[in-house]
């Protein structure tokens, strides 16, 4: 992709440039944040669904089997 203002092509901004964004965090940090967010959604969905796992799954747009797998993966089951 070509940047029309600078004439440079592709790539992310270099962190040393003034006004540029800091470098991306390591992928493992992203993964841990996604897991934590997913867990918080699972925990919040159960009481919102009155404790019914099928309803909680539907609220999150998941199949019940997928919801149960995620509960197990997060140690919530």
Protein backbone atom coordinates (compact mmCIF):
# COMPACT_ATOMS: atom_id res chain seq x y z
CA UNK A 1 0.00 0.00 0.00
CA UNK A 2 1.33 3.45 -0.89
CA UNK A 3 1.08 6.36 1.53
CA UNK A 4 0.00 9.33 -0.58
CA UNK A 5 1.40 11.93 1.83
CA UNK A 6 4.92 10.56 2.21
CA UNK A 7 5.29 8.50 -0.96
CA UNK A 8 6.42 5.50 1.07
CA UNK A 9 4.99 2.05 0.55
CA UNK A 10 3.63 -0.58 2.97
CA UNK A 11 4.66 -1.56 6.47
CA UNK A 12 3.94 -0.19 9.90
CA UNK A 13 5.22 3.11 11.19
CA UNK A 14 8.62 3.06 12.83
CA UNK A 15 8.40 3.85 16.55
CA UNK A 16 11.32 6.32 16.38
CA UNK A 17 9.48 8.68 14.03
CA UNK A 18 7.85 11.66 15.76
CA UNK A 19 4.10 11.15 16.14
CA UNK A 20 4.26 7.48 15.24
CA UNK A 21 2.49 4.76 17.22
CA UNK A 22 4.51 2.57 19.59
CA UNK A 23 5.42 -0.89 18.29
CA UNK A 24 2.81 -3.61 18.58
CA UNK A 25 2.94 -5.72 21.78
CA UNK A 26 4.06 -9.33 21.42
CA UNK A 27 1.45 -11.79 20.12
CA UNK A 28 1.38 -13.63 23.44
CA UNK A 29 0.21 -10.44 25.14
CA UNK A 30 -2.62 -10.15 22.61
CA UNK A 31 -3.55 -13.79 23.12
CA UNK A 32 -3.72 -13.38 26.89
CA UNK A 33 -5.87 -10.28 26.54
CA UNK A 34 -8.24 -12.03 24.14
CA UNK A 35 -8.52 -15.00 26.53
CA UNK A 36 -9.26 -12.69 29.45
CA UNK A 37 -11.89 -10.81 27.44
CA UNK A 38 -13.49 -14.06 26.26
CA UNK A 39 -13.60 -15.31 29.86
CA UNK A 40 -15.24 -12.09 31.04
CA UNK A 41 -17.92 -12.45 28.34
CA UNK A 42 -18.61 -16.04 29.39
CA UNK A 43 -18.83 -15.09 33.06
CA UNK A 44 -21.19 -12.17 32.32
CA UNK A 45 -23.41 -14.17 29.95
CA UNK A 46 -24.39 -16.83 32.47
CA UNK A 47 -26.15 -14.57 35.02
CA UNK A 48 -27.61 -12.46 32.19
CA UNK A 49 -29.21 -15.65 30.85
CA UNK A 50 -30.55 -16.63 34.27
CA UNK A 51 -27.98 -19.41 34.56
CA UNK A 52 -29.22 -21.17 31.40
CA UNK A 53 -26.18 -22.21 29.40
CA UNK A 54 -28.06 -22.58 26.11
CA UNK A 55 -29.46 -19.05 26.45
CA UNK A 56 -26.04 -17.70 27.34
CA UNK A 57 -24.59 -19.41 24.27
CA UNK A 58 -27.29 -17.88 22.08
CA UNK A 59 -26.65 -14.42 23.55
CA UNK A 60 -23.00 -14.72 22.53
CA UNK A 61 -23.84 -16.11 19.09
CA UNK A 62 -22.28 -19.47 19.90
CA UNK A 63 -23.48 -23.01 19.47
CA UNK A 64 -24.12 -24.67 22.85
CA UNK A 65 -21.30 -27.16 22.24
CA UNK A 66 -18.85 -24.34 21.52
CA UNK A 67 -20.03 -22.47 24.62
CA UNK A 68 -19.48 -25.57 26.77
CA UNK A 69 -16.01 -26.10 25.29
CA UNK A 70 -15.09 -22.52 26.12
CA UNK A 71 -16.43 -22.87 29.67
CA UNK A 72 -14.27 -25.96 30.13
CA UNK A 73 -11.19 -24.28 28.58
CA UNK A 74 -11.54 -21.38 31.02
CA UNK A 75 -12.18 -23.62 34.02
CA UNK A 76 -15.71 -22.33 34.45
CA UNK A 77 -17.44 -25.68 34.22
